[in-house]
């Protein structure tokens, strides 16, 4: 455990603990490392959700218009092969 680590006590349902224990044993992880990985993934997901929300809000404030989209759309069409399938 790192020097900056803080011990906490949490309560989880028995079935969740049982599953965590099974998985962490299979992976060869200590309990703290398994919980750290789970919390890190949760935090990353929350950060991505916040960025997605910010991105969507930006498009609501300034949506794309056809003059911005059409040139890109037609340029992308040119990348497709003209060969018959």
PDB file of N, CA and C in Angstrom:
ATOM      1  N   UNK A   1       0.853  -1.176   0.000  1.00  0.00           N
ATOM      2  CA  UNK A   1       0.000   0.000   0.000  1.00  0.00           C
ATOM      3  C   UNK A   1       0.897   1.236   0.000  1.00  0.00           C
ATOM      4  N   UNK A   2       0.519   2.254  -0.721  1.00  0.00           N
ATOM      5  CA  UNK A   2       1.337   3.457  -0.835  1.00  0.00           C
ATOM      6  C   UNK A   2       1.304   4.275   0.458  1.00  0.00           C
ATOM      7  N   UNK A   3       2.293   5.120   0.612  1.00  0.00           N
ATOM      8  CA  UNK A   3       2.399   5.969   1.801  1.00  0.00           C
ATOM      9  C   UNK A   3       1.200   6.909   1.913  1.00  0.00           C
ATOM     10  N   UNK A   4       0.649   7.334   0.781  1.00  0.00           N
ATOM     11  CA  UNK A   4      -0.480   8.267   0.776  1.00  0.00           C
ATOM     12  C   UNK A   4      -1.821   7.578   0.941  1.00  0.00           C
ATOM     13  N   UNK A   5      -1.814   6.277   1.144  1.00  0.00           N
ATOM     14  CA  UNK A   5      -3.062   5.530   1.255  1.00  0.00           C
ATOM     15  C   UNK A   5      -3.765   5.834   2.573  1.00  0.00           C
ATOM     16  N   UNK A   6      -5.075   5.759   2.528  1.00  0.00           N
ATOM     17  CA  UNK A   6      -5.909   5.970   3.709  1.00  0.00           C
ATOM     18  C   UNK A   6      -6.799   4.742   3.860  1.00  0.00           C
ATOM     19  N   UNK A   7      -6.858   4.199   5.044  1.00  0.00           N
ATOM     20  CA  UNK A   7      -7.736   3.060   5.296  1.00  0.00           C
ATOM     21  C   UNK A   7      -9.160   3.560   5.486  1.00  0.00           C
ATOM     22  N   UNK A   8     -10.091   2.822   4.895  1.00  0.00           N
ATOM     23  CA  UNK A   8     -11.507   3.136   5.066  1.00  0.00           C
ATOM     24  C   UNK A   8     -12.249   1.839   5.387  1.00  0.00           C
ATOM     25  N   UNK A   9     -13.405   1.980   5.931  1.00  0.00           N
ATOM     26  CA  UNK A   9     -14.277   0.829   6.174  1.00  0.00           C
ATOM     27  C   UNK A   9     -15.548   1.033   5.366  1.00  0.00           C
ATOM     28  N   UNK A  10     -15.928   0.010   4.602  1.00  0.00           N
ATOM     29  CA  UNK A  10     -17.149   0.095   3.809  1.00  0.00           C
ATOM     30  C   UNK A  10     -17.982  -1.156   4.061  1.00  0.00           C
ATOM     31  N   UNK A  11     -19.249  -1.049   3.809  1.00  0.00           N
ATOM     32  CA  UNK A  11     -20.157  -2.193   3.919  1.00  0.00           C
ATOM     33  C   UNK A  11     -20.698  -2.507   2.538  1.00  0.00           C
ATOM     34  N   UNK A  12     -20.591  -3.763   2.162  1.00  0.00           N
ATOM     35  CA  UNK A  12     -21.107  -4.224   0.876  1.00  0.00           C
ATOM     36  C   UNK A  12     -21.940  -5.473   1.108  1.00  0.00           C
ATOM     37  N   UNK A  13     -22.897  -5.732   0.242  1.00  0.00           N
ATOM     38  CA  UNK A  13     -23.681  -6.958   0.366  1.00  0.00           C
ATOM     39  C   UNK A  13     -22.781  -8.200   0.279  1.00  0.00           C
ATOM     40  N   UNK A  14     -23.171  -9.252   0.995  1.00  0.00           N
ATOM     41  CA  UNK A  14     -22.372 -10.477   1.037  1.00  0.00           C
ATOM     42  C   UNK A  14     -22.135 -11.067  -0.347  1.00  0.00           C
ATOM     43  N   UNK A  15     -23.154 -11.020  -1.202  1.00  0.00           N
ATOM     44  CA  UNK A  15     -22.982 -11.605  -2.538  1.00  0.00           C
ATOM     45  C   UNK A  15     -21.956 -10.830  -3.363  1.00  0.00           C
ATOM     46  N   UNK A  16     -21.880  -9.527  -3.161  1.00  0.00           N
ATOM     47  CA  UNK A  16     -20.886  -8.710  -3.876  1.00  0.00           C
ATOM     48  C   UNK A  16     -19.487  -9.058  -3.374  1.00  0.00           C
ATOM     49  N   UNK A  17     -19.329  -9.144  -2.066  1.00  0.00           N
ATOM     50  CA  UNK A  17     -18.029  -9.487  -1.481  1.00  0.00           C
ATOM     51  C   UNK A  17     -17.584 -10.864  -1.965  1.00  0.00           C
ATOM     52  N   UNK A  18     -18.508 -11.812  -1.999  1.00  0.00           N
ATOM     53  CA  UNK A  18     -18.179 -13.169  -2.445  1.00  0.00           C
ATOM     54  C   UNK A  18     -17.655 -13.152  -3.880  1.00  0.00           C
ATOM     55  N   UNK A  19     -18.317 -12.399  -4.740  1.00  0.00           N
ATOM     56  CA  UNK A  19     -17.895 -12.316  -6.138  1.00  0.00           C
ATOM     57  C   UNK A  19     -16.545 -11.605  -6.272  1.00  0.00           C
ATOM     58  N   UNK A  20     -16.366 -10.526  -5.526  1.00  0.00           N
ATOM     59  CA  UNK A  20     -15.079  -9.813  -5.539  1.00  0.00           C
ATOM     60  C   UNK A  20     -13.962 -10.760  -5.103  1.00  0.00           C
ATOM     61  N   UNK A  21     -14.206 -11.502  -4.024  1.00  0.00           N
ATOM     62  CA  UNK A  21     -13.198 -12.427  -3.508  1.00  0.00           C
ATOM     63  C   UNK A  21     -12.836 -13.493  -4.542  1.00  0.00           C
ATOM     64  N   UNK A  22     -13.831 -14.042  -5.207  1.00  0.00           N
ATOM     65  CA  UNK A  22     -13.567 -15.065  -6.224  1.00  0.00           C
ATOM     66  C   UNK A  22     -12.730 -14.504  -7.369  1.00  0.00           C
ATOM     67  N   UNK A  23     -13.114 -13.344  -7.846  1.00  0.00           N
ATOM     68  CA  UNK A  23     -12.412 -12.750  -8.988  1.00  0.00           C
ATOM     69  C   UNK A  23     -11.002 -12.329  -8.608  1.00  0.00           C
ATOM     70  N   UNK A  24     -10.847 -11.700  -7.457  1.00  0.00           N
ATOM     71  CA  UNK A  24      -9.519 -11.225  -7.076  1.00  0.00           C
ATOM     72  C   UNK A  24      -8.565 -12.391  -6.837  1.00  0.00           C
ATOM     73  N   UNK A  25      -9.081 -13.506  -6.299  1.00  0.00           N
ATOM     74  CA  UNK A  25      -8.232 -14.690  -6.110  1.00  0.00           C
ATOM     75  C   UNK A  25      -7.767 -15.233  -7.455  1.00  0.00           C
ATOM     76  N   UNK A  26      -8.691 -15.308  -8.427  1.00  0.00           N
ATOM     77  CA  UNK A  26      -8.340 -15.786  -9.772  1.00  0.00           C
ATOM     78  C   UNK A  26      -7.296 -14.888 -10.422  1.00  0.00           C
ATOM     79  N   UNK A  27      -7.388 -13.584 -10.151  1.00  0.00           N
ATOM     80  CA  UNK A  27      -6.462 -12.612 -10.751  1.00  0.00           C
ATOM     81  C   UNK A  27      -5.183 -12.446  -9.939  1.00  0.00           C
ATOM     82  N   UNK A  28      -5.146 -13.035  -8.751  1.00  0.00           N
ATOM     83  CA  UNK A  28      -3.965 -12.909  -7.908  1.00  0.00           C
ATOM     84  C   UNK A  28      -3.795 -11.519  -7.311  1.00  0.00           C
ATOM     85  N   UNK A  29      -4.906 -10.855  -7.049  1.00  0.00           N
ATOM     86  CA  UNK A  29      -4.873  -9.503  -6.497  1.00  0.00           C
ATOM     87  C   UNK A  29      -5.201  -9.513  -5.016  1.00  0.00           C
ATOM     88  N   UNK A  30      -4.620  -8.569  -4.299  1.00  0.00           N
ATOM     89  CA  UNK A  30      -5.021  -8.335  -2.920  1.00  0.00           C
ATOM     90  C   UNK A  30      -6.359  -7.612  -2.921  1.00  0.00           C
ATOM     91  N   UNK A  31      -7.018  -7.627  -1.796  1.00  0.00           N
ATOM     92  CA  UNK A  31      -8.333  -6.986  -1.683  1.00  0.00           C
ATOM     93  C   UNK A  31      -8.246  -5.487  -1.989  1.00  0.00           C
ATOM     94  N   UNK A  32      -7.242  -4.828  -1.430  1.00  0.00           N
ATOM     95  CA  UNK A  32      -7.104  -3.381  -1.655  1.00  0.00           C
ATOM     96  C   UNK A  32      -6.874  -3.076  -3.131  1.00  0.00           C
ATOM     97  N   UNK A  33      -6.036  -3.881  -3.785  1.00  0.00           N
ATOM     98  CA  UNK A  33      -5.757  -3.649  -5.207  1.00  0.00           C
ATOM     99  C   UNK A  33      -7.012  -3.870  -6.050  1.00  0.00           C
ATOM    100  N   UNK A  34      -7.783  -4.905  -5.725  1.00  0.00           N
ATOM    101  CA  UNK A  34      -9.016  -5.175  -6.473  1.00  0.00           C
ATOM    102  C   UNK A  34     -10.005  -4.018  -6.329  1.00  0.00           C
ATOM    103  N   UNK A  35     -10.169  -3.543  -5.108  1.00  0.00           N
ATOM    104  CA  UNK A  35     -11.094  -2.428  -4.875  1.00  0.00           C
ATOM    105  C   UNK A  35     -10.571  -1.158  -5.541  1.00  0.00           C
ATOM    106  N   UNK A  36      -9.258  -0.938  -5.484  1.00  0.00           N
ATOM    107  CA  UNK A  36      -8.662   0.231  -6.139  1.00  0.00           C
ATOM    108  C   UNK A  36      -8.933   0.207  -7.637  1.00  0.00           C
ATOM    109  N   UNK A  37      -8.756  -0.966  -8.261  1.00  0.00           N
ATOM    110  CA  UNK A  37      -9.030  -1.065  -9.701  1.00  0.00           C
ATOM    111  C   UNK A  37     -10.491  -0.786 -10.004  1.00  0.00           C
ATOM    112  N   UNK A  38     -11.386  -1.311  -9.187  1.00  0.00           N
ATOM    113  CA  UNK A  38     -12.818  -1.084  -9.408  1.00  0.00           C
ATOM    114  C   UNK A  38     -13.179   0.391  -9.263  1.00  0.00           C
ATOM    115  N   UNK A  39     -12.658   1.025  -8.229  1.00  0.00           N
ATOM    116  CA  UNK A  39     -12.954   2.447  -8.003  1.00  0.00           C
ATOM    117  C   UNK A  39     -12.333   3.292  -9.119  1.00  0.00           C
ATOM    118  N   UNK A  40     -11.139   2.940  -9.556  1.00  0.00           N
ATOM    119  CA  UNK A  40     -10.488   3.685 -10.643  1.00  0.00           C
ATOM    120  C   UNK A  40     -11.305   3.611 -11.927  1.00  0.00           C
ATOM    121  N   UNK A  41     -11.824   2.420 -12.239  1.00  0.00           N
ATOM    122  CA  UNK A  41     -12.678   2.277 -13.426  1.00  0.00           C
ATOM    123  C   UNK A  41     -13.957   3.096 -13.291  1.00  0.00           C
ATOM    124  N   UNK A  42     -14.540   3.096 -12.092  1.00  0.00           N
ATOM    125  CA  UNK A  42     -15.754   3.872 -11.848  1.00  0.00           C
ATOM    126  C   UNK A  42     -15.488   5.364 -12.039  1.00  0.00           C
ATOM    127  N   UNK A  43     -14.358   5.842 -11.483  1.00  0.00           N
ATOM    128  CA  UNK A  43     -14.008   7.260 -11.625  1.00  0.00           C
ATOM    129  C   UNK A  43     -13.787   7.630 -13.091  1.00  0.00           C
ATOM    130  N   UNK A  44     -13.103   6.762 -13.828  1.00  0.00           N
ATOM    131  CA  UNK A  44     -12.858   7.016 -15.249  1.00  0.00           C
ATOM    132  C   UNK A  44     -14.182   7.092 -16.005  1.00  0.00           C
ATOM    133  N   UNK A  45     -15.107   6.181 -15.699  1.00  0.00           N
ATOM    134  CA  UNK A  45     -16.417   6.189 -16.349  1.00  0.00           C
ATOM    135  C   UNK A  45     -17.156   7.485 -16.058  1.00  0.00           C
ATOM    136  N   UNK A  46     -17.110   7.939 -14.810  1.00  0.00           N
ATOM    137  CA  UNK A  46     -17.789   9.184 -14.444  1.00  0.00           C
ATOM    138  C   UNK A  46     -17.171  10.379 -15.166  1.00  0.00           C
ATOM    139  N   UNK A  47     -15.844  10.386 -15.311  1.00  0.00           N
ATOM    140  CA  UNK A  47     -15.177  11.470 -16.038  1.00  0.00           C
ATOM    141  C   UNK A  47     -15.589  11.466 -17.509  1.00  0.00           C
ATOM    142  N   UNK A  48     -15.661  10.275 -18.107  1.00  0.00           N
ATOM    143  CA  UNK A  48     -16.085  10.174 -19.510  1.00  0.00           C
ATOM    144  C   UNK A  48     -17.532  10.618 -19.679  1.00  0.00           C
ATOM    145  N   UNK A  49     -18.390  10.252 -18.734  1.00  0.00           N
ATOM    146  CA  UNK A  49     -19.789  10.684 -18.794  1.00  0.00           C
ATOM    147  C   UNK A  49     -19.891  12.201 -18.706  1.00  0.00           C
ATOM    148  N   UNK A  50     -19.078  12.821 -17.863  1.00  0.00           N
ATOM    149  CA  UNK A  50     -19.080  14.281 -17.728  1.00  0.00           C
ATOM    150  C   UNK A  50     -18.621  14.936 -19.030  1.00  0.00           C
ATOM    151  N   UNK A  51     -17.597  14.361 -19.666  1.00  0.00           N
ATOM    152  CA  UNK A  51     -17.126  14.908 -20.944  1.00  0.00           C
ATOM    153  C   UNK A  51     -18.183  14.736 -22.034  1.00  0.00           C
ATOM    154  N   UNK A  52     -18.852  13.576 -22.062  1.00  0.00           N
ATOM    155  CA  UNK A  52     -19.924  13.363 -23.038  1.00  0.00           C
ATOM    156  C   UNK A  52     -21.033  14.389 -22.859  1.00  0.00           C
ATOM    157  N   UNK A  53     -21.386  14.642 -21.607  1.00  0.00           N
ATOM    158  CA  UNK A  53     -22.436  15.621 -21.317  1.00  0.00           C
ATOM    159  C   UNK A  53     -22.016  17.014 -21.765  1.00  0.00           C
ATOM    160  N   UNK A  54     -20.773  17.372 -21.492  1.00  0.00           N
ATOM    161  CA  UNK A  54     -20.256  18.680 -21.898  1.00  0.00           C
ATOM    162  C   UNK A  54     -20.251  18.802 -23.429  1.00  0.00           C
ATOM    163  N   UNK A  55     -19.851  17.733 -24.104  1.00  0.00           N
ATOM    164  CA  UNK A  55     -19.820  17.688 -25.570  1.00  0.00           C
ATOM    165  C   UNK A  55     -21.233  17.887 -26.134  1.00  0.00           C
ATOM    166  N   UNK A  56     -22.210  17.159 -25.570  1.00  0.00           N
ATOM    167  CA  UNK A  56     -23.593  17.274 -26.039  1.00  0.00           C
ATOM    168  C   UNK A  56     -24.147  18.676 -25.792  1.00  0.00           C
ATOM    169  N   UNK A  57     -23.826  19.249 -24.639  1.00  0.00           N
ATOM    170  CA  UNK A  57     -24.294  20.606 -24.338  1.00  0.00           C
ATOM    171  C   UNK A  57     -23.701  21.613 -25.309  1.00  0.00           C
ATOM    172  N   UNK A  58     -22.459  21.400 -25.696  1.00  0.00           N
ATOM    173  CA  UNK A  58     -21.820  22.282 -26.668  1.00  0.00           C
ATOM    174  C   UNK A  58     -22.535  22.251 -28.016  1.00  0.00           C
ATOM    175  N   UNK A  59     -22.930  21.043 -28.447  1.00  0.00           N
ATOM    176  CA  UNK A  59     -23.650  20.933 -29.716  1.00  0.00           C
ATOM    177  C   UNK A  59     -25.056  21.509 -29.626  1.00  0.00           C
ATOM    178  N   UNK A  60     -25.650  21.477 -28.444  1.00  0.00           N
ATOM    179  CA  UNK A  60     -26.965  22.099 -28.288  1.00  0.00           C
ATOM    180  C   UNK A  60     -26.850  23.617 -28.400  1.00  0.00           C
ATOM    181  N   UNK A  61     -25.757  24.177 -27.884  1.00  0.00           N
ATOM    182  CA  UNK A  61     -25.552  25.628 -27.941  1.00  0.00           C
ATOM    183  C   UNK A  61     -25.181  26.080 -29.349  1.00  0.00           C
ATOM    184  N   UNK A  62     -24.367  25.261 -30.033  1.00  0.00           N
ATOM    185  CA  UNK A  62     -23.931  25.616 -31.383  1.00  0.00           C
ATOM    186  C   UNK A  62     -23.954  24.367 -32.268  1.00  0.00           C
ATOM    187  N   UNK A  63     -25.148  24.013 -32.744  1.00  0.00           N
ATOM    188  CA  UNK A  63     -25.240  22.820 -33.591  1.00  0.00           C
ATOM    189  C   UNK A  63     -24.539  23.031 -34.933  1.00  0.00           C
ATOM    190  N   UNK A  64     -24.116  21.917 -35.512  1.00  0.00           N
ATOM    191  CA  UNK A  64     -23.513  21.993 -36.850  1.00  0.00           C
ATOM    192  C   UNK A  64     -24.599  22.376 -37.847  1.00  0.00           C
ATOM    193  N   UNK A  65     -24.177  23.053 -38.897  1.00  0.00           N
ATOM    194  CA  UNK A  65     -25.134  23.351 -39.941  1.00  0.00           C
ATOM    195  C   UNK A  65     -24.693  22.636 -41.224  1.00  0.00           C
ATOM    196  N   UNK A  66     -25.596  22.498 -42.198  1.00  0.00           N
ATOM    197  CA  UNK A  66     -25.264  21.756 -43.424  1.00  0.00           C
ATOM    198  C   UNK A  66     -24.014  22.282 -44.141  1.00  0.00           C
ATOM    199  N   UNK A  67     -23.751  23.591 -44.054  1.00  0.00           N
ATOM    200  CA  UNK A  67     -22.561  24.140 -44.717  1.00  0.00           C
ATOM    201  C   UNK A  67     -21.271  23.599 -44.106  1.00  0.00           C
ATOM    202  N   UNK A  68     -21.324  23.175 -42.853  1.00  0.00           N
ATOM    203  CA  UNK A  68     -20.151  22.590 -42.208  1.00  0.00           C
ATOM    204  C   UNK A  68     -20.062  21.086 -42.459  1.00  0.00           C
ATOM    205  N   UNK A  69     -21.210  20.432 -42.534  1.00  0.00           N
ATOM    206  CA  UNK A  69     -21.240  18.971 -42.638  1.00  0.00           C
ATOM    207  C   UNK A  69     -21.081  18.473 -44.068  1.00  0.00           C
ATOM    208  N   UNK A  70     -21.773  19.088 -45.009  1.00  0.00           N
ATOM    209  CA  UNK A  70     -21.804  18.577 -46.386  1.00  0.00           C
ATOM    210  C   UNK A  70     -20.427  18.409 -47.021  1.00  0.00           C
ATOM    211  N   UNK A  71     -19.515  19.376 -46.929  1.00  0.00           N
ATOM    212  CA  UNK A  71     -18.202  19.164 -47.558  1.00  0.00           C
ATOM    213  C   UNK A  71     -17.464  17.943 -46.971  1.00  0.00           C
ATOM    214  N   UNK A  72     -17.581  17.748 -45.686  1.00  0.00           N
ATOM    215  CA  UNK A  72     -16.934  16.592 -45.066  1.00  0.00           C
ATOM    216  C   UNK A  72     -17.600  15.285 -45.490  1.00  0.00           C
ATOM    217  N   UNK A  73     -18.912  15.305 -45.597  1.00  0.00           N
ATOM    218  CA  UNK A  73     -19.645  14.119 -46.023  1.00  0.00           C
ATOM    219  C   UNK A  73     -19.230  13.710 -47.439  1.00  0.00           C
ATOM    220  N   UNK A  74     -19.213  14.671 -48.342  1.00  0.00           N
ATOM    221  CA  UNK A  74     -18.864  14.353 -49.726  1.00  0.00           C
ATOM    222  C   UNK A  74     -17.387  13.988 -49.874  1.00  0.00           C
ATOM    223  N   UNK A  75     -16.543  14.577 -49.083  1.00  0.00           N
ATOM    224  CA  UNK A  75     -15.128  14.200 -49.099  1.00  0.00           C
ATOM    225  C   UNK A  75     -14.954  12.759 -48.628  1.00  0.00           C
ATOM    226  N   UNK A  76     -15.718  12.363 -47.636  1.00  0.00           N
ATOM    227  CA  UNK A  76     -15.606  10.989 -47.145  1.00  0.00           C
ATOM    228  C   UNK A  76     -16.125   9.988 -48.174  1.00  0.00           C
ATOM    229  N   UNK A  77     -17.109  10.364 -48.976  1.00  0.00           N
ATOM    230  CA  UNK A  77     -17.630   9.477 -50.005  1.00  0.00           C
ATOM    231  C   UNK A  77     -16.561   9.146 -51.040  1.00  0.00           C
ATOM    232  N   UNK A  78     -15.673  10.081 -51.283  1.00  0.00           N
ATOM    233  CA  UNK A  78     -14.649   9.860 -52.296  1.00  0.00           C
ATOM    234  C   UNK A  78     -13.633   8.789 -51.863  1.00  0.00           C
ATOM    235  N   UNK A  79     -13.624   8.459 -50.602  1.00  0.00           N
ATOM    236  CA  UNK A  79     -12.678   7.444 -50.130  1.00  0.00           C
ATOM    237  C   UNK A  79     -13.171   6.021 -50.404  1.00  0.00           C
ATOM    238  N   UNK A  80     -14.444   5.881 -50.764  1.00  0.00           N
ATOM    239  CA  UNK A  80     -14.969   4.550 -51.088  1.00  0.00           C
ATOM    240  C   UNK A  80     -14.547   4.147 -52.501  1.00  0.00           C
ATOM    241  N   UNK A  81     -14.305   2.881 -52.666  1.00  0.00           N
ATOM    242  CA  UNK A  81     -13.891   2.349 -53.950  1.00  0.00           C
ATOM    243  C   UNK A  81     -15.057   2.414 -54.938  1.00  0.00           C
ATOM    244  N   UNK A  82     -14.734   2.717 -56.190  1.00  0.00           N
ATOM    245  CA  UNK A  82     -15.761   2.764 -57.236  1.00  0.00           C
ATOM    246  C   UNK A  82     -15.882   1.426 -57.943  1.00  0.00           C
ATOM    247  N   UNK A  83     -15.099   0.457 -57.494  1.00  0.00           N
ATOM    248  CA  UNK A  83     -15.175  -0.881 -58.073  1.00  0.00           C
ATOM    249  C   UNK A  83     -16.515  -1.519 -57.745  1.00  0.00           C
ATOM    250  N   UNK A  84     -16.988  -2.367 -58.668  1.00  0.00           N
ATOM    251  CA  UNK A  84     -18.214  -3.110 -58.408  1.00  0.00           C
ATOM    252  C   UNK A  84     -17.901  -4.235 -57.451  1.00  0.00           C
ATOM    253  N   UNK A  85     -18.814  -4.484 -56.569  1.00  0.00           N
ATOM    254  CA  UNK A  85     -18.615  -5.560 -55.588  1.00  0.00           C
ATOM    255  C   UNK A  85     -19.110  -6.799 -56.178  1.00  0.00           C
TER     256      UNK A  85
END
